[in-house]
Amino acid sequence: MDAIVVAAGQGQRIGIPGKTLLSLGGKPLLAWSVDVCQKCDLIRRVVIVMNESEIERGWSLAKERDWHKVSDICSGGKRRQDSVNEGLSKLQECEWIMIHDAARPFLSLDLIERGVKAVSETGAAVAAVPVKDTIKIADDNGLVRNTLERGRLWAAQTPQIFRFRTIVEAHAALLPDVFDDAEMVERLGYKVQLFRGSYDNIKITVAEDLLLAEVISQRTG
């Protein structure tokens, strides 16, 4: 299996450019995910997708941390799906592909193993956790229109693992903006299997997330 680590976000909501190079627990945010990929026997190659201005730093990190599985570091696109597509274009002769957001630093070997087991059933599998909050749908004026059944709601995460030809087909379909890669596959009619993610597997989006990540890093790092 090969892996794409997406680190091309602009960091607009956190207010800091180069978010995935920020320090967390004494090492760059990006390193948390790639270190795990490097250690995972199930992963053969890693492609990192970064902002063009950060690629040189990415290669420096690869050398410093002995990321010998990193076969390419390429620049991302305007949208996340464009960045993933750039990563896909760097891989060939691949049966399975894992896609992970570098903004989720707490990737683990267990998560990857659960994903590999789940993807064999449908060819597409997504890490997810049950939603703990009550979710309401509101109109443009903030008035509640519906309350969703919490027991059937899951919050999607990464990693997401796919049969390579399936996700390439999905990207080639030139679909409009989507929330994640799984949605592209869903729209083509493929079944997507959820597997149990982790509540520690948070995404660094706003400054407050960094504070929580520091706490988690002390426990898991």
N, C-alpha and C. Protein backbone atom coordinates (compact mmCIF):
# COMPACT_ATOMS: atom_id res chain seq x y z
N MET A 1 0.85 -1.19 0.00
CA MET A 1 0.00 0.00 0.00
C MET A 1 0.88 1.24 0.00
N ASP A 2 0.47 2.24 -0.77
CA ASP A 2 1.15 3.53 -0.77
C ASP A 2 0.32 4.55 0.00
N ALA A 3 0.93 5.68 0.32
CA ALA A 3 0.24 6.69 1.12
C ALA A 3 0.49 8.08 0.56
N ILE A 4 -0.53 8.91 0.66
CA ILE A 4 -0.41 10.34 0.36
C ILE A 4 -0.70 11.10 1.64
N VAL A 5 0.23 11.94 2.05
CA VAL A 5 0.03 12.80 3.21
C VAL A 5 -0.18 14.21 2.70
N VAL A 6 -1.38 14.74 2.92
CA VAL A 6 -1.76 16.04 2.38
C VAL A 6 -1.42 17.13 3.39
N ALA A 7 -0.50 18.01 2.98
CA ALA A 7 -0.03 19.08 3.88
C ALA A 7 0.00 20.42 3.15
N ALA A 8 -0.98 20.61 2.27
CA ALA A 8 -0.98 21.80 1.41
C ALA A 8 -2.01 22.84 1.82
N GLY A 9 -2.56 22.72 3.03
CA GLY A 9 -3.54 23.71 3.49
C GLY A 9 -2.92 25.08 3.69
N GLN A 10 -3.73 26.10 3.57
CA GLN A 10 -3.25 27.47 3.70
C GLN A 10 -3.22 27.98 5.14
N GLY A 11 -3.84 27.27 6.06
CA GLY A 11 -3.83 27.68 7.46
C GLY A 11 -4.60 28.97 7.71
N GLN A 12 -5.63 29.24 6.89
CA GLN A 12 -6.36 30.51 7.01
C GLN A 12 -7.14 30.60 8.31
N ARG A 13 -7.78 29.50 8.72
CA ARG A 13 -8.61 29.55 9.92
C ARG A 13 -7.78 29.61 11.20
N ILE A 14 -6.57 29.07 11.13
CA ILE A 14 -5.71 29.15 12.32
C ILE A 14 -4.91 30.44 12.32
N GLY A 15 -4.87 31.10 11.16
CA GLY A 15 -4.21 32.39 11.07
C GLY A 15 -2.70 32.32 10.98
N ILE A 16 -2.17 31.12 10.64
CA ILE A 16 -0.73 30.93 10.55
C ILE A 16 -0.41 30.19 9.26
N PRO A 17 0.33 30.79 8.30
CA PRO A 17 0.73 30.05 7.10
C PRO A 17 1.72 28.95 7.45
N GLY A 18 1.77 27.94 6.60
CA GLY A 18 2.69 26.84 6.88
C GLY A 18 2.31 26.05 8.12
N LYS A 19 1.02 25.83 8.31
CA LYS A 19 0.52 25.19 9.53
C LYS A 19 1.19 23.86 9.80
N THR A 20 1.39 23.04 8.78
CA THR A 20 1.90 21.69 9.01
C THR A 20 3.38 21.66 9.37
N LEU A 21 4.03 22.83 9.36
CA LEU A 21 5.42 22.90 9.82
C LEU A 21 5.52 23.48 11.23
N LEU A 22 4.37 23.81 11.82
CA LEU A 22 4.37 24.28 13.20
C LEU A 22 4.89 23.19 14.14
N SER A 23 5.47 23.61 15.24
CA SER A 23 6.00 22.65 16.20
C SER A 23 4.89 22.13 17.11
N LEU A 24 4.87 20.82 17.28
CA LEU A 24 3.94 20.17 18.20
C LEU A 24 4.72 19.11 18.96
N GLY A 25 4.78 19.25 20.27
CA GLY A 25 5.51 18.28 21.06
C GLY A 25 6.97 18.15 20.67
N GLY A 26 7.55 19.24 20.19
CA GLY A 26 8.97 19.23 19.87
C GLY A 26 9.34 18.82 18.46
N LYS A 27 8.33 18.57 17.60
CA LYS A 27 8.64 18.26 16.21
C LYS A 27 7.56 18.83 15.30
N PRO A 28 7.88 19.03 14.02
CA PRO A 28 6.89 19.63 13.11
C PRO A 28 5.62 18.79 13.02
N LEU A 29 4.51 19.47 12.89
CA LEU A 29 3.21 18.78 12.78
C LEU A 29 3.25 17.70 11.71
N LEU A 30 3.83 18.00 10.57
CA LEU A 30 3.92 17.04 9.47
C LEU A 30 4.62 15.76 9.89
N ALA A 31 5.63 15.90 10.73
CA ALA A 31 6.44 14.74 11.10
C ALA A 31 5.65 13.69 11.87
N TRP A 32 4.64 14.10 12.59
CA TRP A 32 3.85 13.12 13.35
C TRP A 32 3.26 12.05 12.44
N SER A 33 2.67 12.46 11.34
CA SER A 33 2.04 11.50 10.43
C SER A 33 3.07 10.72 9.62
N VAL A 34 4.06 11.43 9.09
CA VAL A 34 5.03 10.75 8.22
C VAL A 34 5.90 9.78 9.02
N ASP A 35 6.23 10.12 10.26
CA ASP A 35 6.98 9.19 11.10
C ASP A 35 6.24 7.86 11.24
N VAL A 36 4.92 7.93 11.42
CA VAL A 36 4.13 6.70 11.56
C VAL A 36 4.12 5.92 10.25
N CYS A 37 3.95 6.62 9.14
CA CYS A 37 3.99 5.95 7.83
C CYS A 37 5.34 5.27 7.62
N GLN A 38 6.39 5.94 8.03
CA GLN A 38 7.74 5.39 7.89
C GLN A 38 7.90 4.10 8.69
N LYS A 39 7.28 4.02 9.85
CA LYS A 39 7.40 2.85 10.71
C LYS A 39 6.46 1.71 10.31
N CYS A 40 5.43 2.02 9.52
CA CYS A 40 4.39 1.04 9.23
C CYS A 40 4.83 0.06 8.14
N ASP A 41 4.86 -1.22 8.46
CA ASP A 41 5.27 -2.22 7.48
C ASP A 41 4.27 -2.37 6.33
N LEU A 42 3.05 -1.90 6.54
CA LEU A 42 2.02 -2.02 5.50
C LEU A 42 2.18 -0.96 4.41
N ILE A 43 2.99 0.05 4.65
CA ILE A 43 3.15 1.16 3.70
C ILE A 43 4.48 1.05 2.99
N ARG A 44 4.41 1.10 1.66
CA ARG A 44 5.60 0.95 0.83
C ARG A 44 6.24 2.28 0.46
N ARG A 45 5.40 3.22 0.01
CA ARG A 45 5.88 4.53 -0.45
C ARG A 45 4.98 5.62 0.12
N VAL A 46 5.56 6.82 0.25
CA VAL A 46 4.81 7.98 0.74
C VAL A 46 5.06 9.15 -0.19
N VAL A 47 3.97 9.79 -0.59
CA VAL A 47 4.05 11.06 -1.33
C VAL A 47 3.50 12.14 -0.41
N ILE A 48 4.25 13.22 -0.25
CA ILE A 48 3.79 14.35 0.56
C ILE A 48 3.40 15.48 -0.38
N VAL A 49 2.23 16.06 -0.14
CA VAL A 49 1.76 17.20 -0.93
C VAL A 49 1.82 18.44 -0.06
N MET A 50 2.60 19.44 -0.50
CA MET A 50 2.81 20.64 0.30
C MET A 50 2.61 21.89 -0.55
N ASN A 51 2.56 23.04 0.12
CA ASN A 51 2.60 24.30 -0.61
C ASN A 51 3.97 24.41 -1.29
N GLU A 52 3.97 24.98 -2.46
CA GLU A 52 5.21 25.03 -3.24
C GLU A 52 6.35 25.69 -2.47
N SER A 53 6.02 26.72 -1.68
CA SER A 53 7.05 27.45 -0.94
C SER A 53 7.65 26.63 0.20
N GLU A 54 7.01 25.50 0.54
CA GLU A 54 7.47 24.68 1.67
C GLU A 54 8.15 23.38 1.25
N ILE A 55 8.21 23.13 -0.04
CA ILE A 55 8.74 21.85 -0.52
C ILE A 55 10.20 21.66 -0.13
N GLU A 56 11.00 22.71 -0.23
CA GLU A 56 12.41 22.59 0.14
C GLU A 56 12.55 22.17 1.60
N ARG A 57 11.75 22.77 2.47
CA ARG A 57 11.77 22.39 3.88
C ARG A 57 11.30 20.95 4.05
N GLY A 58 10.36 20.53 3.23
CA GLY A 58 9.89 19.15 3.29
C GLY A 58 11.01 18.16 2.99
N TRP A 59 11.79 18.44 1.96
CA TRP A 59 12.90 17.54 1.63
C TRP A 59 13.96 17.56 2.72
N SER A 60 14.17 18.72 3.34
CA SER A 60 15.12 18.79 4.44
C SER A 60 14.67 17.91 5.60
N LEU A 61 13.37 17.95 5.89
CA LEU A 61 12.83 17.10 6.95
C LEU A 61 13.00 15.62 6.60
N ALA A 62 12.76 15.28 5.34
CA ALA A 62 12.89 13.89 4.91
C ALA A 62 14.31 13.39 5.14
N LYS A 63 15.28 14.24 4.89
CA LYS A 63 16.67 13.86 5.10
C LYS A 63 16.99 13.77 6.59
N GLU A 64 16.54 14.78 7.35
CA GLU A 64 16.83 14.82 8.77
C GLU A 64 16.23 13.63 9.52
N ARG A 65 15.01 13.23 9.11
CA ARG A 65 14.29 12.19 9.85
C ARG A 65 14.35 10.83 9.16
N ASP A 66 15.19 10.73 8.13
CA ASP A 66 15.39 9.46 7.43
C ASP A 66 14.08 8.87 6.91
N TRP A 67 13.31 9.73 6.23
CA TRP A 67 12.07 9.25 5.62
C TRP A 67 12.39 8.61 4.28
N HIS A 68 12.99 7.44 4.27
CA HIS A 68 13.41 6.84 3.00
C HIS A 68 12.22 6.31 2.19
N LYS A 69 11.04 6.22 2.81
CA LYS A 69 9.85 5.82 2.05
C LYS A 69 9.27 6.96 1.22
N VAL A 70 9.67 8.19 1.52
CA VAL A 70 9.13 9.34 0.78
C VAL A 70 9.73 9.35 -0.62
N SER A 71 8.89 9.07 -1.60
CA SER A 71 9.36 9.00 -2.99
C SER A 71 9.19 10.31 -3.73
N ASP A 72 8.31 11.18 -3.23
CA ASP A 72 8.08 12.46 -3.91
C ASP A 72 7.46 13.45 -2.93
N ILE A 73 7.79 14.71 -3.12
CA ILE A 73 7.12 15.81 -2.43
C ILE A 73 6.71 16.79 -3.52
N CYS A 74 5.41 16.97 -3.68
CA CYS A 74 4.91 17.79 -4.79
C CYS A 74 4.05 18.92 -4.26
N SER A 75 3.81 19.90 -5.11
CA SER A 75 2.99 21.05 -4.72
C SER A 75 1.51 20.73 -4.86
N GLY A 76 0.72 21.31 -3.98
CA GLY A 76 -0.71 21.08 -3.98
C GLY A 76 -1.45 21.98 -4.97
N GLY A 77 -2.77 21.80 -5.00
CA GLY A 77 -3.62 22.59 -5.89
C GLY A 77 -4.48 23.56 -5.10
N LYS A 78 -5.41 24.17 -5.80
CA LYS A 78 -6.26 25.18 -5.18
C LYS A 78 -7.17 24.58 -4.12
N ARG A 79 -7.76 23.42 -4.42
CA ARG A 79 -8.65 22.74 -3.49
C ARG A 79 -7.95 21.50 -2.94
N ARG A 80 -8.47 20.99 -1.83
CA ARG A 80 -7.88 19.78 -1.26
C ARG A 80 -7.91 18.65 -2.27
N GLN A 81 -9.02 18.48 -2.98
CA GLN A 81 -9.12 17.39 -3.94
C GLN A 81 -8.11 17.55 -5.07
N ASP A 82 -7.77 18.79 -5.41
CA ASP A 82 -6.73 19.02 -6.41
C ASP A 82 -5.37 18.58 -5.89
N SER A 83 -5.13 18.83 -4.60
CA SER A 83 -3.87 18.42 -3.99
C SER A 83 -3.75 16.90 -3.96
N VAL A 84 -4.84 16.22 -3.60
CA VAL A 84 -4.82 14.77 -3.59
C VAL A 84 -4.56 14.24 -4.99
N ASN A 85 -5.18 14.85 -5.98
CA ASN A 85 -5.00 14.42 -7.36
C ASN A 85 -3.54 14.56 -7.80
N GLU A 86 -2.89 15.63 -7.34
CA GLU A 86 -1.47 15.80 -7.64
C GLU A 86 -0.67 14.66 -7.04
N GLY A 87 -1.02 14.28 -5.81
CA GLY A 87 -0.33 13.16 -5.17
C GLY A 87 -0.55 11.86 -5.90
N LEU A 88 -1.78 11.62 -6.35
CA LEU A 88 -2.09 10.39 -7.09
C LEU A 88 -1.28 10.30 -8.38
N SER A 89 -1.05 11.44 -8.99
CA SER A 89 -0.33 11.45 -10.27
C SER A 89 1.13 11.02 -10.12
N LYS A 90 1.63 11.02 -8.90
CA LYS A 90 3.02 10.63 -8.66
C LYS A 90 3.19 9.15 -8.36
N LEU A 91 2.09 8.41 -8.35
CA LEU A 91 2.13 6.99 -7.99
C LEU A 91 1.67 6.13 -9.15
N GLN A 92 2.33 5.01 -9.32
CA GLN A 92 1.96 4.04 -10.33
C GLN A 92 2.14 2.64 -9.75
N GLU A 93 1.58 1.65 -10.43
CA GLU A 93 1.72 0.26 -10.00
C GLU A 93 1.37 0.11 -8.52
N CYS A 94 0.23 0.65 -8.18
CA CYS A 94 -0.22 0.66 -6.79
C CYS A 94 -1.61 0.05 -6.74
N GLU A 95 -1.85 -0.86 -5.80
CA GLU A 95 -3.17 -1.47 -5.68
C GLU A 95 -4.03 -0.74 -4.66
N TRP A 96 -3.44 -0.35 -3.53
CA TRP A 96 -4.17 0.33 -2.46
C TRP A 96 -3.49 1.64 -2.12
N ILE A 97 -4.29 2.65 -1.78
CA ILE A 97 -3.73 3.95 -1.43
C ILE A 97 -4.40 4.47 -0.16
N MET A 98 -3.58 4.93 0.76
CA MET A 98 -4.08 5.57 1.98
C MET A 98 -3.88 7.07 1.85
N ILE A 99 -4.91 7.84 2.12
CA ILE A 99 -4.84 9.30 2.08
C ILE A 99 -5.06 9.83 3.48
N HIS A 100 -4.12 10.67 3.92
CA HIS A 100 -4.20 11.19 5.29
C HIS A 100 -3.85 12.67 5.31
N ASP A 101 -4.57 13.42 6.14
CA ASP A 101 -4.31 14.85 6.30
C ASP A 101 -3.23 15.06 7.35
N ALA A 102 -2.18 15.79 6.99
CA ALA A 102 -1.12 16.08 7.95
C ALA A 102 -1.63 16.90 9.12
N ALA A 103 -2.76 17.59 8.93
CA ALA A 103 -3.35 18.37 10.02
C ALA A 103 -3.97 17.49 11.09
N ARG A 104 -3.98 16.17 10.87
CA ARG A 104 -4.38 15.20 11.91
C ARG A 104 -3.11 14.47 12.36
N PRO A 105 -2.42 15.01 13.35
CA PRO A 105 -1.10 14.47 13.70
C PRO A 105 -1.09 13.12 14.40
N PHE A 106 -2.24 12.68 14.92
CA PHE A 106 -2.21 11.50 15.77
C PHE A 106 -2.62 10.23 15.04
N LEU A 107 -2.12 10.10 13.84
CA LEU A 107 -2.22 8.83 13.11
C LEU A 107 -1.48 7.76 13.91
N SER A 108 -2.00 6.54 13.87
CA SER A 108 -1.35 5.46 14.62
C SER A 108 -1.30 4.20 13.77
N LEU A 109 -0.42 3.29 14.17
CA LEU A 109 -0.33 2.01 13.48
C LEU A 109 -1.64 1.24 13.60
N ASP A 110 -2.29 1.32 14.75
CA ASP A 110 -3.58 0.64 14.94
C ASP A 110 -4.63 1.16 13.98
N LEU A 111 -4.68 2.48 13.80
CA LEU A 111 -5.64 3.07 12.87
C LEU A 111 -5.42 2.53 11.45
N ILE A 112 -4.17 2.50 11.04
CA ILE A 112 -3.86 2.02 9.69
C ILE A 112 -4.25 0.55 9.55
N GLU A 113 -3.93 -0.25 10.54
CA GLU A 113 -4.26 -1.68 10.49
C GLU A 113 -5.77 -1.90 10.42
N ARG A 114 -6.54 -1.13 11.19
CA ARG A 114 -8.00 -1.26 11.15
C ARG A 114 -8.52 -0.87 9.76
N GLY A 115 -7.92 0.16 9.18
CA GLY A 115 -8.34 0.60 7.85
C GLY A 115 -8.07 -0.44 6.78
N VAL A 116 -6.90 -1.06 6.86
CA VAL A 116 -6.55 -2.09 5.88
C VAL A 116 -7.50 -3.28 5.97
N LYS A 117 -7.86 -3.65 7.18
CA LYS A 117 -8.80 -4.75 7.36
C LYS A 117 -10.18 -4.39 6.79
N ALA A 118 -10.63 -3.16 7.03
CA ALA A 118 -11.96 -2.74 6.58
C ALA A 118 -12.03 -2.59 5.06
N VAL A 119 -10.97 -2.09 4.45
CA VAL A 119 -11.04 -1.77 3.02
C VAL A 119 -11.15 -3.03 2.16
N SER A 120 -10.74 -4.16 2.69
CA SER A 120 -10.81 -5.40 1.91
C SER A 120 -12.25 -5.80 1.63
N GLU A 121 -13.20 -5.26 2.40
CA GLU A 121 -14.60 -5.62 2.23
C GLU A 121 -15.28 -4.88 1.08
N THR A 122 -14.92 -3.61 0.88
CA THR A 122 -15.64 -2.80 -0.11
C THR A 122 -14.73 -2.10 -1.11
N GLY A 123 -13.44 -2.02 -0.83
CA GLY A 123 -12.54 -1.27 -1.69
C GLY A 123 -12.44 0.20 -1.33
N ALA A 124 -13.17 0.62 -0.29
CA ALA A 124 -13.11 2.00 0.19
C ALA A 124 -13.45 2.00 1.68
N ALA A 125 -12.60 2.63 2.49
CA ALA A 125 -12.83 2.62 3.93
C ALA A 125 -12.38 3.94 4.54
N VAL A 126 -13.14 4.40 5.53
CA VAL A 126 -12.93 5.72 6.12
C VAL A 126 -12.92 5.62 7.64
N ALA A 127 -11.90 6.18 8.27
CA ALA A 127 -11.90 6.28 9.73
C ALA A 127 -13.00 7.24 10.17
N ALA A 128 -13.71 6.90 11.22
CA ALA A 128 -14.80 7.75 11.71
C ALA A 128 -15.09 7.42 13.16
N VAL A 129 -15.68 8.38 13.86
CA VAL A 129 -16.08 8.17 15.25
C VAL A 129 -17.54 8.58 15.41
N PRO A 130 -18.27 7.91 16.31
CA PRO A 130 -19.66 8.31 16.54
C PRO A 130 -19.73 9.75 17.04
N VAL A 131 -20.71 10.48 16.54
CA VAL A 131 -20.92 11.86 16.97
C VAL A 131 -21.44 11.87 18.40
N LYS A 132 -20.85 12.70 19.25
CA LYS A 132 -21.26 12.76 20.66
C LYS A 132 -22.28 13.86 20.93
N ASP A 133 -22.31 14.88 20.07
CA ASP A 133 -23.24 16.00 20.26
C ASP A 133 -24.55 15.77 19.50
N THR A 134 -25.59 16.45 19.92
CA THR A 134 -26.84 16.46 19.17
C THR A 134 -26.69 17.44 18.01
N ILE A 135 -27.03 16.98 16.81
CA ILE A 135 -26.85 17.79 15.60
C ILE A 135 -28.20 18.30 15.12
N LYS A 136 -28.31 19.60 14.93
CA LYS A 136 -29.54 20.21 14.43
C LYS A 136 -29.29 20.88 13.08
N ILE A 137 -30.28 20.81 12.21
CA ILE A 137 -30.23 21.50 10.92
C ILE A 137 -31.02 22.79 11.05
N ALA A 138 -30.41 23.90 10.65
CA ALA A 138 -31.05 25.21 10.77
C ALA A 138 -31.17 25.87 9.40
N ASP A 139 -32.08 26.82 9.30
CA ASP A 139 -32.21 27.58 8.06
C ASP A 139 -31.25 28.78 8.11
N ASP A 140 -31.32 29.63 7.09
CA ASP A 140 -30.40 30.76 6.99
C ASP A 140 -30.56 31.75 8.14
N ASN A 141 -31.68 31.70 8.82
CA ASN A 141 -31.93 32.62 9.93
C ASN A 141 -31.61 32.01 11.29
N GLY A 142 -31.05 30.80 11.27
CA GLY A 142 -30.69 30.16 12.53
C GLY A 142 -31.83 29.45 13.21
N LEU A 143 -32.96 29.27 12.54
CA LEU A 143 -34.09 28.56 13.12
C LEU A 143 -33.95 27.06 12.87
N VAL A 144 -34.15 26.27 13.89
CA VAL A 144 -34.01 24.83 13.77
C VAL A 144 -35.10 24.26 12.88
N ARG A 145 -34.69 23.46 11.91
CA ARG A 145 -35.62 22.80 11.00
C ARG A 145 -35.72 21.30 11.25
N ASN A 146 -34.67 20.75 11.84
CA ASN A 146 -34.68 19.30 12.07
C ASN A 146 -33.60 18.94 13.07
N THR A 147 -33.83 17.87 13.83
CA THR A 147 -32.82 17.32 14.72
C THR A 147 -32.51 15.90 14.24
N LEU A 148 -31.24 15.65 13.97
CA LEU A 148 -30.85 14.38 13.39
C LEU A 148 -30.70 13.30 14.46
N GLU A 149 -30.90 12.07 14.04
CA GLU A 149 -30.79 10.93 14.95
C GLU A 149 -29.30 10.67 15.22
N ARG A 150 -28.86 10.98 16.41
CA ARG A 150 -27.43 10.94 16.73
C ARG A 150 -26.85 9.54 16.59
N GLY A 151 -27.63 8.52 16.86
CA GLY A 151 -27.13 7.16 16.83
C GLY A 151 -26.65 6.70 15.47
N ARG A 152 -27.03 7.42 14.41
CA ARG A 152 -26.64 7.04 13.06
C ARG A 152 -25.60 7.99 12.46
N LEU A 153 -25.10 8.93 13.27
CA LEU A 153 -24.17 9.94 12.76
C LEU A 153 -22.73 9.61 13.16
N TRP A 154 -21.85 9.73 12.20
CA TRP A 154 -20.43 9.50 12.40
C TRP A 154 -19.65 10.70 11.87
N ALA A 155 -18.60 11.08 12.57
CA ALA A 155 -17.71 12.16 12.11
C ALA A 155 -16.54 11.53 11.36
N ALA A 156 -16.45 11.84 10.07
CA ALA A 156 -15.40 11.26 9.24
C ALA A 156 -14.05 11.87 9.56
N GLN A 157 -13.01 11.04 9.47
CA GLN A 157 -11.64 11.47 9.69
C GLN A 157 -10.78 10.99 8.52
N THR A 158 -9.51 11.13 8.66
CA THR A 158 -8.55 10.39 7.86
C THR A 158 -7.70 9.60 8.85
N PRO A 159 -7.14 8.45 8.44
CA PRO A 159 -6.91 8.03 7.06
C PRO A 159 -8.16 7.48 6.38
N GLN A 160 -8.13 7.62 5.05
CA GLN A 160 -9.13 7.00 4.19
C GLN A 160 -8.35 6.14 3.18
N ILE A 161 -8.79 4.91 3.01
CA ILE A 161 -8.04 3.96 2.18
C ILE A 161 -8.94 3.48 1.05
N PHE A 162 -8.35 3.41 -0.15
CA PHE A 162 -9.12 3.06 -1.34
C PHE A 162 -8.33 2.11 -2.24
N ARG A 163 -9.09 1.34 -3.02
CA ARG A 163 -8.45 0.68 -4.14
C ARG A 163 -7.96 1.78 -5.08
N PHE A 164 -6.73 1.71 -5.51
CA PHE A 164 -6.12 2.81 -6.25
C PHE A 164 -6.93 3.19 -7.49
N ARG A 165 -7.35 2.19 -8.26
CA ARG A 165 -8.06 2.51 -9.50
C ARG A 165 -9.42 3.16 -9.23
N THR A 166 -10.00 2.88 -8.06
CA THR A 166 -11.29 3.48 -7.71
C THR A 166 -11.15 4.97 -7.43
N ILE A 167 -10.16 5.34 -6.62
CA ILE A 167 -10.01 6.76 -6.29
C ILE A 167 -9.50 7.55 -7.49
N VAL A 168 -8.70 6.92 -8.34
CA VAL A 168 -8.27 7.61 -9.56
C VAL A 168 -9.47 7.86 -10.47
N GLU A 169 -10.35 6.88 -10.58
CA GLU A 169 -11.58 7.04 -11.37
C GLU A 169 -12.42 8.19 -10.83
N ALA A 170 -12.53 8.27 -9.49
CA ALA A 170 -13.33 9.31 -8.86
C ALA A 170 -12.76 10.69 -9.18
N HIS A 171 -11.46 10.85 -9.11
CA HIS A 171 -10.85 12.14 -9.39
C HIS A 171 -10.95 12.49 -10.86
N ALA A 172 -10.88 11.49 -11.73
CA ALA A 172 -10.97 11.72 -13.17
C ALA A 172 -12.37 12.18 -13.58
N ALA A 173 -13.37 11.90 -12.71
CA ALA A 173 -14.75 12.28 -13.05
C ALA A 173 -14.97 13.79 -12.96
N LEU A 174 -13.99 14.53 -12.45
CA LEU A 174 -14.06 15.99 -12.37
C LEU A 174 -15.31 16.46 -11.65
N LEU A 175 -15.55 15.89 -10.50
CA LEU A 175 -16.72 16.26 -9.71
C LEU A 175 -16.51 17.64 -9.10
N PRO A 176 -17.59 18.33 -8.75
CA PRO A 176 -17.46 19.64 -8.09
C PRO A 176 -16.88 19.49 -6.69
N ASP A 177 -16.81 20.60 -5.97
CA ASP A 177 -16.21 20.58 -4.63
C ASP A 177 -16.85 19.51 -3.76
N VAL A 178 -16.01 18.78 -3.04
CA VAL A 178 -16.47 17.75 -2.12
C VAL A 178 -15.78 17.96 -0.78
N PHE A 179 -16.32 17.32 0.27
CA PHE A 179 -15.76 17.47 1.60
C PHE A 179 -14.55 16.57 1.82
N ASP A 180 -14.57 15.39 1.22
CA ASP A 180 -13.42 14.49 1.36
C ASP A 180 -13.41 13.51 0.19
N ASP A 181 -12.36 12.70 0.15
CA ASP A 181 -12.22 11.75 -0.96
C ASP A 181 -13.32 10.72 -0.96
N ALA A 182 -13.77 10.32 0.22
CA ALA A 182 -14.83 9.32 0.31
C ALA A 182 -16.10 9.80 -0.39
N GLU A 183 -16.39 11.09 -0.29
CA GLU A 183 -17.60 11.60 -0.93
C GLU A 183 -17.52 11.44 -2.44
N MET A 184 -16.33 11.61 -3.00
CA MET A 184 -16.18 11.44 -4.44
C MET A 184 -16.51 10.00 -4.84
N VAL A 185 -16.01 9.06 -4.06
CA VAL A 185 -16.26 7.65 -4.34
C VAL A 185 -17.74 7.32 -4.14
N GLU A 186 -18.34 7.89 -3.09
CA GLU A 186 -19.77 7.67 -2.84
C GLU A 186 -20.61 8.13 -4.03
N ARG A 187 -20.26 9.28 -4.58
CA ARG A 187 -21.04 9.84 -5.69
C ARG A 187 -20.99 8.98 -6.94
N LEU A 188 -19.96 8.15 -7.06
CA LEU A 188 -19.87 7.23 -8.19
C LEU A 188 -20.60 5.92 -7.92
N GLY A 189 -21.18 5.81 -6.73
CA GLY A 189 -21.98 4.64 -6.42
C GLY A 189 -21.25 3.52 -5.71
N TYR A 190 -20.00 3.75 -5.32
CA TYR A 190 -19.26 2.72 -4.60
C TYR A 190 -19.65 2.69 -3.12
N LYS A 191 -19.59 1.52 -2.53
CA LYS A 191 -19.84 1.39 -1.10
C LYS A 191 -18.60 1.80 -0.31
N VAL A 192 -18.80 2.51 0.78
CA VAL A 192 -17.70 2.96 1.62
C VAL A 192 -17.91 2.40 3.03
N GLN A 193 -16.92 1.67 3.52
CA GLN A 193 -17.00 1.06 4.84
C GLN A 193 -16.37 1.98 5.89
N LEU A 194 -17.10 2.24 6.97
CA LEU A 194 -16.51 2.98 8.08
C LEU A 194 -15.74 2.02 8.97
N PHE A 195 -14.61 2.50 9.51
CA PHE A 195 -13.92 1.76 10.56
C PHE A 195 -13.65 2.71 11.71
N ARG A 196 -13.49 2.15 12.89
CA ARG A 196 -13.42 2.97 14.10
C ARG A 196 -12.15 3.82 14.11
N GLY A 197 -12.36 5.14 14.16
CA GLY A 197 -11.25 6.07 14.28
C GLY A 197 -10.90 6.27 15.74
N SER A 198 -10.49 7.50 16.08
CA SER A 198 -10.12 7.79 17.46
C SER A 198 -10.50 9.23 17.78
N TYR A 199 -11.00 9.44 18.98
CA TYR A 199 -11.32 10.81 19.39
C TYR A 199 -10.04 11.63 19.58
N ASP A 200 -8.90 10.96 19.74
CA ASP A 200 -7.62 11.68 19.79
C ASP A 200 -7.18 12.15 18.41
N ASN A 201 -7.76 11.57 17.38
CA ASN A 201 -7.35 11.85 15.99
C ASN A 201 -7.95 13.18 15.52
N ILE A 202 -7.63 14.25 16.24
CA ILE A 202 -8.23 15.55 15.96
C ILE A 202 -7.57 16.22 14.77
N LYS A 203 -8.27 17.17 14.19
CA LYS A 203 -7.73 17.96 13.09
C LYS A 203 -7.38 19.35 13.60
N ILE A 204 -6.17 19.80 13.32
CA ILE A 204 -5.74 21.13 13.74
C ILE A 204 -6.30 22.14 12.75
N THR A 205 -7.33 22.85 13.17
CA THR A 205 -8.00 23.81 12.29
C THR A 205 -7.92 25.23 12.84
N VAL A 206 -8.16 25.39 14.13
CA VAL A 206 -8.10 26.70 14.78
C VAL A 206 -7.07 26.65 15.91
N ALA A 207 -6.72 27.83 16.44
CA ALA A 207 -5.66 27.91 17.44
C ALA A 207 -5.95 27.05 18.67
N GLU A 208 -7.21 26.96 19.06
CA GLU A 208 -7.57 26.17 20.24
C GLU A 208 -7.23 24.69 20.04
N ASP A 209 -7.26 24.22 18.80
CA ASP A 209 -6.93 22.83 18.52
C ASP A 209 -5.47 22.52 18.87
N LEU A 210 -4.60 23.50 18.68
CA LEU A 210 -3.19 23.30 19.01
C LEU A 210 -3.00 23.06 20.50
N LEU A 211 -3.78 23.77 21.30
CA LEU A 211 -3.69 23.59 22.75
C LEU A 211 -4.07 22.17 23.15
N LEU A 212 -5.17 21.68 22.56
CA LEU A 212 -5.60 20.31 22.85
C LEU A 212 -4.58 19.31 22.32
N ALA A 213 -4.02 19.60 21.15
CA ALA A 213 -3.03 18.70 20.55
C ALA A 213 -1.79 18.57 21.43
N GLU A 214 -1.39 19.66 22.06
CA GLU A 214 -0.24 19.60 22.95
C GLU A 214 -0.51 18.65 24.12
N VAL A 215 -1.73 18.67 24.64
CA VAL A 215 -2.09 17.76 25.73
C VAL A 215 -2.04 16.32 25.24
N ILE A 216 -2.63 16.06 24.06
CA ILE A 216 -2.65 14.70 23.53
C ILE A 216 -1.23 14.21 23.23
N SER A 217 -0.38 15.13 22.71
CA SER A 217 0.99 14.73 22.35
C SER A 217 1.78 14.28 23.56
N GLN A 218 1.50 14.84 24.72
CA GLN A 218 2.21 14.45 25.94
C GLN A 218 1.84 13.03 26.37
N ARG A 219 0.63 12.63 25.96
CA ARG A 219 0.16 11.29 26.32
C ARG A 219 0.56 10.24 25.28
N THR A 220 0.62 10.64 24.01
CA THR A 220 0.85 9.68 22.94
C THR A 220 2.23 9.74 22.34
N GLY A 221 2.93 10.89 22.52
CA GLY A 221 4.22 11.07 21.86
C GLY A 221 5.32 10.27 22.48
